[in-house]
Every structure is written in C-alpha cells, then in structure tokens.
Amino acid sequence: MRATMMYAAGDVRVEIVPGPVLAEPTDAIVRVVRTCICGSDLHPYIDQLLPGILDGSTNPGKVFDRTVSLDQIPNGYLAMDRREALKVLVTP
C-alpha cells in the first residue's frame, strides 16, 4: 500500500509499505476516507522527529476488518464506536 512518510522537515515521500495486518485481538484496520494537515504534522519542524513513523491525526475512516466487537467502546470514543475515526500511530 502507499503511505506518505515524513523523514524530516521538508523531506516527505510517498512510499510503498507492507499492508496492515491484525496482530492483536484489539486491532482494527481502518480505511481512511478523508485527511488533512494538523498540528502534529508540524512536529518535525521542532528538531525532534521519530524516524519512519506514520503519525496520523484523527482521520475519518471506515473499519473494514477487525477482530473484536466495537460495541463495548466507552462513550468518550463515540467516533470510533460509530466506526468513523481512529487515532493512528503505526510503524510500517
């Protein structure tokens, strides 16, 4: 799959990375349908960067694969419960 990787301020590349897999019982795979730039996207401009990290914002998406029911998700995660958004921070 394609992913946008930020290696340093001004060094952004679209790369091919392995597709997601369900590794843990609480994992879900979310297809992002909209995204934007947010404050966390500016972190590399602060002289601190976690190399090779796909740092996502709260992006609306649709859960298309999961291992557990989302019916027990706390009310504070309503967007996740409706399968619309998820905070994403993964390493490829």
PDB file of N, CA and C in Angstrom:
ATOM      1  N   MET A   1       0.840  -1.174   0.000  1.00  0.00           N
ATOM      2  CA  MET A   1       0.000   0.000   0.000  1.00  0.00           C
ATOM      3  C   MET A   1       0.886   1.239   0.000  1.00  0.00           C
ATOM      4  N   ARG A   2       0.327   2.347  -0.441  1.00  0.00           N
ATOM      5  CA  ARG A   2       1.076   3.605  -0.458  1.00  0.00           C
ATOM      6  C   ARG A   2       0.900   4.327   0.874  1.00  0.00           C
ATOM      7  N   ALA A   3       1.965   4.982   1.325  1.00  0.00           N
ATOM      8  CA  ALA A   3       1.928   5.763   2.559  1.00  0.00           C
ATOM      9  C   ALA A   3       2.784   7.003   2.376  1.00  0.00           C
ATOM     10  N   THR A   4       2.373   8.081   2.991  1.00  0.00           N
ATOM     11  CA  THR A   4       3.171   9.301   2.993  1.00  0.00           C
ATOM     12  C   THR A   4       4.057   9.262   4.229  1.00  0.00           C
ATOM     13  N   MET A   5       5.355   9.296   4.036  1.00  0.00           N
ATOM     14  CA  MET A   5       6.315   9.225   5.133  1.00  0.00           C
ATOM     15  C   MET A   5       7.053  10.547   5.246  1.00  0.00           C
ATOM     16  N   MET A   6       7.147  11.079   6.464  1.00  0.00           N
ATOM     17  CA  MET A   6       7.884  12.308   6.708  1.00  0.00           C
ATOM     18  C   MET A   6       9.156  11.937   7.471  1.00  0.00           C
ATOM     19  N   TYR A   7      10.300  12.177   6.843  1.00  0.00           N
ATOM     20  CA  TYR A   7      11.581  11.849   7.443  1.00  0.00           C
ATOM     21  C   TYR A   7      12.242  13.042   8.120  1.00  0.00           C
ATOM     22  N   ALA A   8      11.938  14.223   7.653  1.00  0.00           N
ATOM     23  CA  ALA A   8      12.485  15.452   8.225  1.00  0.00           C
ATOM     24  C   ALA A   8      11.653  16.604   7.683  1.00  0.00           C
ATOM     25  N   ALA A   9      11.862  17.765   8.250  1.00  0.00           N
ATOM     26  CA  ALA A   9      11.156  18.944   7.767  1.00  0.00           C
ATOM     27  C   ALA A   9      11.479  19.130   6.291  1.00  0.00           C
ATOM     28  N   GLY A  10      10.456  19.107   5.437  1.00  0.00           N
ATOM     29  CA  GLY A  10      10.640  19.273   4.004  1.00  0.00           C
ATOM     30  C   GLY A  10      10.980  17.997   3.256  1.00  0.00           C
ATOM     31  N   ASP A  11      11.168  16.884   3.963  1.00  0.00           N
ATOM     32  CA  ASP A  11      11.500  15.601   3.326  1.00  0.00           C
ATOM     33  C   ASP A  11      10.317  14.652   3.491  1.00  0.00           C
ATOM     34  N   VAL A  12       9.353  14.772   2.588  1.00  0.00           N
ATOM     35  CA  VAL A  12       8.130  13.965   2.620  1.00  0.00           C
ATOM     36  C   VAL A  12       8.109  13.116   1.357  1.00  0.00           C
ATOM     37  N   ARG A  13       7.892  11.805   1.527  1.00  0.00           N
ATOM     38  CA  ARG A  13       7.916  10.886   0.381  1.00  0.00           C
ATOM     39  C   ARG A  13       6.709   9.957   0.418  1.00  0.00           C
ATOM     40  N   VAL A  14       6.208   9.634  -0.763  1.00  0.00           N
ATOM     41  CA  VAL A  14       5.182   8.599  -0.891  1.00  0.00           C
ATOM     42  C   VAL A  14       5.917   7.302  -1.188  1.00  0.00           C
ATOM     43  N   GLU A  15       5.700   6.304  -0.322  1.00  0.00           N
ATOM     44  CA  GLU A  15       6.416   5.044  -0.452  1.00  0.00           C
ATOM     45  C   GLU A  15       5.442   3.872  -0.419  1.00  0.00           C
ATOM     46  N   ILE A  16       5.928   2.745  -0.869  1.00  0.00           N
ATOM     47  CA  ILE A  16       5.173   1.501  -0.766  1.00  0.00           C
ATOM     48  C   ILE A  16       5.581   0.842   0.558  1.00  0.00           C
ATOM     49  N   VAL A  17       4.615   0.533   1.411  1.00  0.00           N
ATOM     50  CA  VAL A  17       4.861  -0.121   2.694  1.00  0.00           C
ATOM     51  C   VAL A  17       3.995  -1.383   2.774  1.00  0.00           C
ATOM     52  N   PRO A  18       4.339  -2.300   3.667  1.00  0.00           N
ATOM     53  CA  PRO A  18       3.517  -3.502   3.805  1.00  0.00           C
ATOM     54  C   PRO A  18       2.087  -3.138   4.208  1.00  0.00           C
ATOM     55  N   GLY A  19       1.127  -3.919   3.738  1.00  0.00           N
ATOM     56  CA  GLY A  19      -0.261  -3.707   4.122  1.00  0.00           C
ATOM     57  C   GLY A  19      -0.481  -4.029   5.588  1.00  0.00           C
ATOM     58  N   PRO A  20      -1.526  -3.496   6.171  1.00  0.00           N
ATOM     59  CA  PRO A  20      -1.797  -3.730   7.590  1.00  0.00           C
ATOM     60  C   PRO A  20      -2.240  -5.166   7.834  1.00  0.00           C
ATOM     61  N   VAL A  21      -1.967  -5.647   9.042  1.00  0.00           N
ATOM     62  CA  VAL A  21      -2.415  -6.975   9.460  1.00  0.00           C
ATOM     63  C   VAL A  21      -3.013  -6.862  10.862  1.00  0.00           C
ATOM     64  N   LEU A  22      -3.911  -7.753  11.176  1.00  0.00           N
ATOM     65  CA  LEU A  22      -4.483  -7.825  12.517  1.00  0.00           C
ATOM     66  C   LEU A  22      -3.574  -8.711  13.359  1.00  0.00           C
ATOM     67  N   ALA A  23      -2.766  -8.100  14.225  1.00  0.00           N
ATOM     68  CA  ALA A  23      -1.789  -8.843  15.016  1.00  0.00           C
ATOM     69  C   ALA A  23      -2.262  -9.102  16.442  1.00  0.00           C
ATOM     70  N   GLU A  24      -3.077  -8.223  16.986  1.00  0.00           N
ATOM     71  CA  GLU A  24      -3.559  -8.331  18.364  1.00  0.00           C
ATOM     72  C   GLU A  24      -5.078  -8.431  18.367  1.00  0.00           C
ATOM     73  N   PRO A  25      -5.658  -9.008  19.417  1.00  0.00           N
ATOM     74  CA  PRO A  25      -7.119  -9.159  19.473  1.00  0.00           C
ATOM     75  C   PRO A  25      -7.879  -7.836  19.443  1.00  0.00           C
ATOM     76  N   THR A  26      -7.223  -6.752  19.812  1.00  0.00           N
ATOM     77  CA  THR A  26      -7.889  -5.447  19.844  1.00  0.00           C
ATOM     78  C   THR A  26      -7.631  -4.617  18.595  1.00  0.00           C
ATOM     79  N   ASP A  27      -6.946  -5.167  17.610  1.00  0.00           N
ATOM     80  CA  ASP A  27      -6.612  -4.436  16.391  1.00  0.00           C
ATOM     81  C   ASP A  27      -7.819  -4.256  15.477  1.00  0.00           C
ATOM     82  N   ALA A  28      -7.786  -3.195  14.704  1.00  0.00           N
ATOM     83  CA  ALA A  28      -8.767  -2.944  13.644  1.00  0.00           C
ATOM     84  C   ALA A  28      -8.030  -2.298  12.479  1.00  0.00           C
ATOM     85  N   ILE A  29      -8.444  -2.603  11.278  1.00  0.00           N
ATOM     86  CA  ILE A  29      -7.886  -1.962  10.086  1.00  0.00           C
ATOM     87  C   ILE A  29      -8.914  -0.955   9.599  1.00  0.00           C
ATOM     88  N   VAL A  30      -8.470   0.301   9.433  1.00  0.00           N
ATOM     89  CA  VAL A  30      -9.370   1.390   9.079  1.00  0.00           C
ATOM     90  C   VAL A  30      -8.957   1.962   7.736  1.00  0.00           C
ATOM     91  N   ARG A  31      -9.892   2.060   6.810  1.00  0.00           N
ATOM     92  CA  ARG A  31      -9.642   2.709   5.520  1.00  0.00           C
ATOM     93  C   ARG A  31      -9.951   4.195   5.701  1.00  0.00           C
ATOM     94  N   VAL A  32      -8.934   5.050   5.617  1.00  0.00           N
ATOM     95  CA  VAL A  32      -9.108   6.493   5.796  1.00  0.00           C
ATOM     96  C   VAL A  32      -9.797   7.056   4.557  1.00  0.00           C
ATOM     97  N   VAL A  33     -10.868   7.831   4.790  1.00  0.00           N
ATOM     98  CA  VAL A  33     -11.611   8.400   3.665  1.00  0.00           C
ATOM     99  C   VAL A  33     -11.392   9.903   3.516  1.00  0.00           C
ATOM    100  N   ARG A  34     -10.891  10.559   4.543  1.00  0.00           N
ATOM    101  CA  ARG A  34     -10.560  11.987   4.486  1.00  0.00           C
ATOM    102  C   ARG A  34      -9.381  12.227   5.415  1.00  0.00           C
ATOM    103  N   THR A  35      -8.570  13.212   5.089  1.00  0.00           N
ATOM    104  CA  THR A  35      -7.463  13.572   5.967  1.00  0.00           C
ATOM    105  C   THR A  35      -7.112  15.042   5.746  1.00  0.00           C
ATOM    106  N   CYS A  36      -6.275  15.572   6.614  1.00  0.00           N
ATOM    107  CA  CYS A  36      -5.841  16.965   6.480  1.00  0.00           C
ATOM    108  C   CYS A  36      -4.537  17.129   7.246  1.00  0.00           C
ATOM    109  N   ILE A  37      -3.998  18.297   7.224  1.00  0.00           N
ATOM    110  CA  ILE A  37      -2.795  18.614   7.994  1.00  0.00           C
ATOM    111  C   ILE A  37      -3.246  19.138   9.345  1.00  0.00           C
ATOM    112  N   CYS A  38      -2.596  18.663  10.402  1.00  0.00           N
ATOM    113  CA  CYS A  38      -2.931  19.158  11.742  1.00  0.00           C
ATOM    114  C   CYS A  38      -1.647  19.546  12.462  1.00  0.00           C
ATOM    115  N   GLY A  39      -1.772  19.992  13.682  1.00  0.00           N
ATOM    116  CA  GLY A  39      -0.618  20.441  14.457  1.00  0.00           C
ATOM    117  C   GLY A  39       0.459  19.395  14.621  1.00  0.00           C
ATOM    118  N   SER A  40       0.054  18.115  14.763  1.00  0.00           N
ATOM    119  CA  SER A  40       1.062  17.067  14.942  1.00  0.00           C
ATOM    120  C   SER A  40       1.929  16.901  13.699  1.00  0.00           C
ATOM    121  N   ASP A  41       1.435  17.332  12.541  1.00  0.00           N
ATOM    122  CA  ASP A  41       2.230  17.252  11.318  1.00  0.00           C
ATOM    123  C   ASP A  41       3.386  18.251  11.325  1.00  0.00           C
ATOM    124  N   LEU A  42       3.373  19.191  12.250  1.00  0.00           N
ATOM    125  CA  LEU A  42       4.429  20.200  12.327  1.00  0.00           C
ATOM    126  C   LEU A  42       5.567  19.788  13.243  1.00  0.00           C
ATOM    127  N   HIS A  43       5.425  18.663  13.972  1.00  0.00           N
ATOM    128  CA  HIS A  43       6.452  18.243  14.921  1.00  0.00           C
ATOM    129  C   HIS A  43       7.846  18.119  14.312  1.00  0.00           C
ATOM    130  N   PRO A  44       8.004  17.626  13.086  1.00  0.00           N
ATOM    131  CA  PRO A  44       9.361  17.541  12.533  1.00  0.00           C
ATOM    132  C   PRO A  44      10.052  18.899  12.393  1.00  0.00           C
ATOM    133  N   TYR A  45       9.309  19.958  12.412  1.00  0.00           N
ATOM    134  CA  TYR A  45       9.898  21.281  12.298  1.00  0.00           C
ATOM    135  C   TYR A  45      10.386  21.796  13.653  1.00  0.00           C
ATOM    136  N   ILE A  46      10.328  20.955  14.693  1.00  0.00           N
ATOM    137  CA  ILE A  46      10.746  21.342  16.041  1.00  0.00           C
ATOM    138  C   ILE A  46      12.039  20.613  16.422  1.00  0.00           C
ATOM    139  N   ASP A  47      12.834  20.181  15.464  1.00  0.00           N
ATOM    140  CA  ASP A  47      14.107  19.499  15.688  1.00  0.00           C
ATOM    141  C   ASP A  47      13.963  18.149  16.386  1.00  0.00           C
ATOM    142  N   GLN A  48      12.776  17.625  16.488  1.00  0.00           N
ATOM    143  CA  GLN A  48      12.572  16.298  17.060  1.00  0.00           C
ATOM    144  C   GLN A  48      11.726  15.506  16.081  1.00  0.00           C
ATOM    145  N   LEU A  49      12.213  14.338  15.688  1.00  0.00           N
ATOM    146  CA  LEU A  49      11.498  13.520  14.722  1.00  0.00           C
ATOM    147  C   LEU A  49      11.669  12.062  15.087  1.00  0.00           C
ATOM    148  N   LEU A  50      10.605  11.334  15.057  1.00  0.00           N
ATOM    149  CA  LEU A  50      10.682   9.888  15.236  1.00  0.00           C
ATOM    150  C   LEU A  50      10.819   9.289  13.845  1.00  0.00           C
ATOM    151  N   PRO A  51      11.989   8.797  13.472  1.00  0.00           N
ATOM    152  CA  PRO A  51      12.209   8.328  12.101  1.00  0.00           C
ATOM    153  C   PRO A  51      11.285   7.174  11.723  1.00  0.00           C
ATOM    154  N   GLY A  52      10.750   7.240  10.514  1.00  0.00           N
ATOM    155  CA  GLY A  52       9.953   6.150   9.995  1.00  0.00           C
ATOM    156  C   GLY A  52       8.602   5.965  10.656  1.00  0.00           C
ATOM    157  N   ILE A  53       8.076   6.979  11.300  1.00  0.00           N
ATOM    158  CA  ILE A  53       6.775   6.871  11.966  1.00  0.00           C
ATOM    159  C   ILE A  53       5.706   7.471  11.066  1.00  0.00           C
ATOM    160  N   LEU A  54       4.601   6.752  10.913  1.00  0.00           N
ATOM    161  CA  LEU A  54       3.426   7.290  10.229  1.00  0.00           C
ATOM    162  C   LEU A  54       2.557   7.907  11.311  1.00  0.00           C
ATOM    163  N   ASP A  55       2.632   9.197  11.491  1.00  0.00           N
ATOM    164  CA  ASP A  55       1.882   9.862  12.560  1.00  0.00           C
ATOM    165  C   ASP A  55       0.584  10.376  11.993  1.00  0.00           C
ATOM    166  N   GLY A  56      -0.496   9.787  12.401  1.00  0.00           N
ATOM    167  CA  GLY A  56      -1.791  10.181  11.869  1.00  0.00           C
ATOM    168  C   GLY A  56      -2.551  11.070  12.821  1.00  0.00           C
ATOM    169  N   SER A  57      -3.481  11.781  12.290  1.00  0.00           N
ATOM    170  CA  SER A  57      -4.394  12.582  13.082  1.00  0.00           C
ATOM    171  C   SER A  57      -5.667  11.770  13.243  1.00  0.00           C
ATOM    172  N   THR A  58      -6.684  12.388  13.805  1.00  0.00           N
ATOM    173  CA  THR A  58      -7.965  11.712  13.873  1.00  0.00           C
ATOM    174  C   THR A  58      -8.597  11.829  12.495  1.00  0.00           C
ATOM    175  N   ASN A  59      -8.506  10.779  11.739  1.00  0.00           N
ATOM    176  CA  ASN A  59      -8.964  10.773  10.358  1.00  0.00           C
ATOM    177  C   ASN A  59     -10.253   9.989  10.234  1.00  0.00           C
ATOM    178  N   PRO A  60     -11.259  10.555   9.595  1.00  0.00           N
ATOM    179  CA  PRO A  60     -12.473   9.765   9.388  1.00  0.00           C
ATOM    180  C   PRO A  60     -12.200   8.606   8.454  1.00  0.00           C
ATOM    181  N   GLY A  61     -12.707   7.463   8.829  1.00  0.00           N
ATOM    182  CA  GLY A  61     -12.496   6.284   8.009  1.00  0.00           C
ATOM    183  C   GLY A  61     -13.553   5.237   8.309  1.00  0.00           C
ATOM    184  N   LYS A  62     -13.433   4.100   7.683  1.00  0.00           N
ATOM    185  CA  LYS A  62     -14.371   3.007   7.866  1.00  0.00           C
ATOM    186  C   LYS A  62     -13.600   1.753   8.257  1.00  0.00           C
ATOM    187  N   VAL A  63     -14.040   1.120   9.341  1.00  0.00           N
ATOM    188  CA  VAL A  63     -13.422  -0.126   9.763  1.00  0.00           C
ATOM    189  C   VAL A  63     -13.839  -1.200   8.772  1.00  0.00           C
ATOM    190  N   PHE A  64     -12.850  -1.822   8.126  1.00  0.00           N
ATOM    191  CA  PHE A  64     -13.217  -2.876   7.193  1.00  0.00           C
ATOM    192  C   PHE A  64     -12.672  -4.230   7.603  1.00  0.00           C
ATOM    193  N   ASP A  65     -11.936  -4.284   8.700  1.00  0.00           N
ATOM    194  CA  ASP A  65     -11.509  -5.564   9.251  1.00  0.00           C
ATOM    195  C   ASP A  65     -11.194  -5.353  10.725  1.00  0.00           C
ATOM    196  N   ARG A  66     -11.643  -6.278  11.561  1.00  0.00           N
ATOM    197  CA  ARG A  66     -11.388  -6.167  12.989  1.00  0.00           C
ATOM    198  C   ARG A  66     -11.498  -7.544  13.609  1.00  0.00           C
ATOM    199  N   THR A  67     -10.971  -7.662  14.827  1.00  0.00           N
ATOM    200  CA  THR A  67     -11.008  -8.952  15.491  1.00  0.00           C
ATOM    201  C   THR A  67     -12.020  -8.990  16.625  1.00  0.00           C
ATOM    202  N   VAL A  68     -12.417  -7.844  17.149  1.00  0.00           N
ATOM    203  CA  VAL A  68     -13.356  -7.812  18.279  1.00  0.00           C
ATOM    204  C   VAL A  68     -14.498  -6.855  17.977  1.00  0.00           C
ATOM    205  N   SER A  69     -15.583  -7.016  18.709  1.00  0.00           N
ATOM    206  CA  SER A  69     -16.724  -6.123  18.572  1.00  0.00           C
ATOM    207  C   SER A  69     -16.367  -4.742  19.117  1.00  0.00           C
ATOM    208  N   LEU A  70     -16.888  -3.712  18.491  1.00  0.00           N
ATOM    209  CA  LEU A  70     -16.688  -2.343  18.981  1.00  0.00           C
ATOM    210  C   LEU A  70     -17.844  -1.884  19.851  1.00  0.00           C
ATOM    211  N   ASP A  71     -18.745  -2.790  20.213  1.00  0.00           N
ATOM    212  CA  ASP A  71     -19.933  -2.416  20.984  1.00  0.00           C
ATOM    213  C   ASP A  71     -19.608  -1.966  22.405  1.00  0.00           C
ATOM    214  N   GLN A  72     -18.477  -2.384  22.949  1.00  0.00           N
ATOM    215  CA  GLN A  72     -18.123  -2.038  24.320  1.00  0.00           C
ATOM    216  C   GLN A  72     -17.184  -0.835  24.429  1.00  0.00           C
ATOM    217  N   ILE A  73     -16.990  -0.101  23.346  1.00  0.00           N
ATOM    218  CA  ILE A  73     -16.115   1.071  23.357  1.00  0.00           C
ATOM    219  C   ILE A  73     -16.742   2.148  24.244  1.00  0.00           C
ATOM    220  N   PRO A  74     -15.971   2.785  25.160  1.00  0.00           N
ATOM    221  CA  PRO A  74     -16.519   3.835  26.027  1.00  0.00           C
ATOM    222  C   PRO A  74     -17.107   4.994  25.222  1.00  0.00           C
ATOM    223  N   ASN A  75     -18.061   5.692  25.828  1.00  0.00           N
ATOM    224  CA  ASN A  75     -18.732   6.800  25.147  1.00  0.00           C
ATOM    225  C   ASN A  75     -17.765   7.885  24.700  1.00  0.00           C
ATOM    226  N   GLY A  76     -16.640   8.052  25.385  1.00  0.00           N
ATOM    227  CA  GLY A  76     -15.650   9.059  25.001  1.00  0.00           C
ATOM    228  C   GLY A  76     -15.046   8.804  23.633  1.00  0.00           C
ATOM    229  N   TYR A  77     -15.202   7.590  23.133  1.00  0.00           N
ATOM    230  CA  TYR A  77     -14.680   7.233  21.817  1.00  0.00           C
ATOM    231  C   TYR A  77     -15.827   7.033  20.834  1.00  0.00           C
ATOM    232  N   LEU A  78     -16.804   7.913  20.888  1.00  0.00           N
ATOM    233  CA  LEU A  78     -18.003   7.769  20.071  1.00  0.00           C
ATOM    234  C   LEU A  78     -17.680   7.659  18.582  1.00  0.00           C
ATOM    235  N   ALA A  79     -16.715   8.450  18.106  1.00  0.00           N
ATOM    236  CA  ALA A  79     -16.365   8.390  16.678  1.00  0.00           C
ATOM    237  C   ALA A  79     -15.838   7.010  16.317  1.00  0.00           C
ATOM    238  N   MET A  80     -15.046   6.407  17.211  1.00  0.00           N
ATOM    239  CA  MET A  80     -14.572   5.048  16.959  1.00  0.00           C
ATOM    240  C   MET A  80     -15.729   4.067  17.000  1.00  0.00           C
ATOM    241  N   ASP A  81     -16.617   4.258  17.970  1.00  0.00           N
ATOM    242  CA  ASP A  81     -17.751   3.349  18.129  1.00  0.00           C
ATOM    243  C   ASP A  81     -18.630   3.357  16.883  1.00  0.00           C
ATOM    244  N   ARG A  82     -18.752   4.527  16.253  1.00  0.00           N
ATOM    245  CA  ARG A  82     -19.520   4.620  15.015  1.00  0.00           C
ATOM    246  C   ARG A  82     -18.677   4.229  13.816  1.00  0.00           C
ATOM    247  N   ARG A  83     -17.447   3.784  14.096  1.00  0.00           N
ATOM    248  CA  ARG A  83     -16.522   3.330  13.056  1.00  0.00           C
ATOM    249  C   ARG A  83     -16.192   4.452  12.067  1.00  0.00           C
ATOM    250  N   GLU A  84     -16.063   5.675  12.579  1.00  0.00           N
ATOM    251  CA  GLU A  84     -15.801   6.832  11.719  1.00  0.00           C
ATOM    252  C   GLU A  84     -14.404   7.405  11.880  1.00  0.00           C
ATOM    253  N   ALA A  85     -13.755   7.210  13.032  1.00  0.00           N
ATOM    254  CA  ALA A  85     -12.449   7.832  13.234  1.00  0.00           C
ATOM    255  C   ALA A  85     -11.605   6.980  14.171  1.00  0.00           C
ATOM    256  N   LEU A  86     -10.307   7.181  14.087  1.00  0.00           N
ATOM    257  CA  LEU A  86      -9.377   6.421  14.905  1.00  0.00           C
ATOM    258  C   LEU A  86      -8.053   7.168  14.926  1.00  0.00           C
ATOM    259  N   LYS A  87      -7.436   7.279  16.096  1.00  0.00           N
ATOM    260  CA  LYS A  87      -6.103   7.871  16.184  1.00  0.00           C
ATOM    261  C   LYS A  87      -5.104   6.838  15.694  1.00  0.00           C
ATOM    262  N   VAL A  88      -4.268   7.232  14.777  1.00  0.00           N
ATOM    263  CA  VAL A  88      -3.355   6.279  14.148  1.00  0.00           C
ATOM    264  C   VAL A  88      -1.911   6.692  14.418  1.00  0.00           C
ATOM    265  N   LEU A  89      -1.127   5.776  14.942  1.00  0.00           N
ATOM    266  CA  LEU A  89       0.313   5.965  15.084  1.00  0.00           C
ATOM    267  C   LEU A  89       0.925   4.586  14.910  1.00  0.00           C
ATOM    268  N   VAL A  90       1.491   4.329  13.748  1.00  0.00           N
ATOM    269  CA  VAL A  90       1.994   2.993  13.438  1.00  0.00           C
ATOM    270  C   VAL A  90       3.377   3.073  12.824  1.00  0.00           C
ATOM    271  N   THR A  91       4.098   1.993  12.923  1.00  0.00           N
ATOM    272  CA  THR A  91       5.348   1.865  12.188  1.00  0.00           C
ATOM    273  C   THR A  91       5.127   0.833  11.100  1.00  0.00           C
ATOM    274  N   PRO A  92       5.588   1.106   9.905  1.00  0.00           N
ATOM    275  CA  PRO A  92       5.359   0.159   8.802  1.00  0.00           C
ATOM    276  C   PRO A  92       6.197  -1.103   8.970  1.00  0.00           C
TER     277      PRO A  92
END
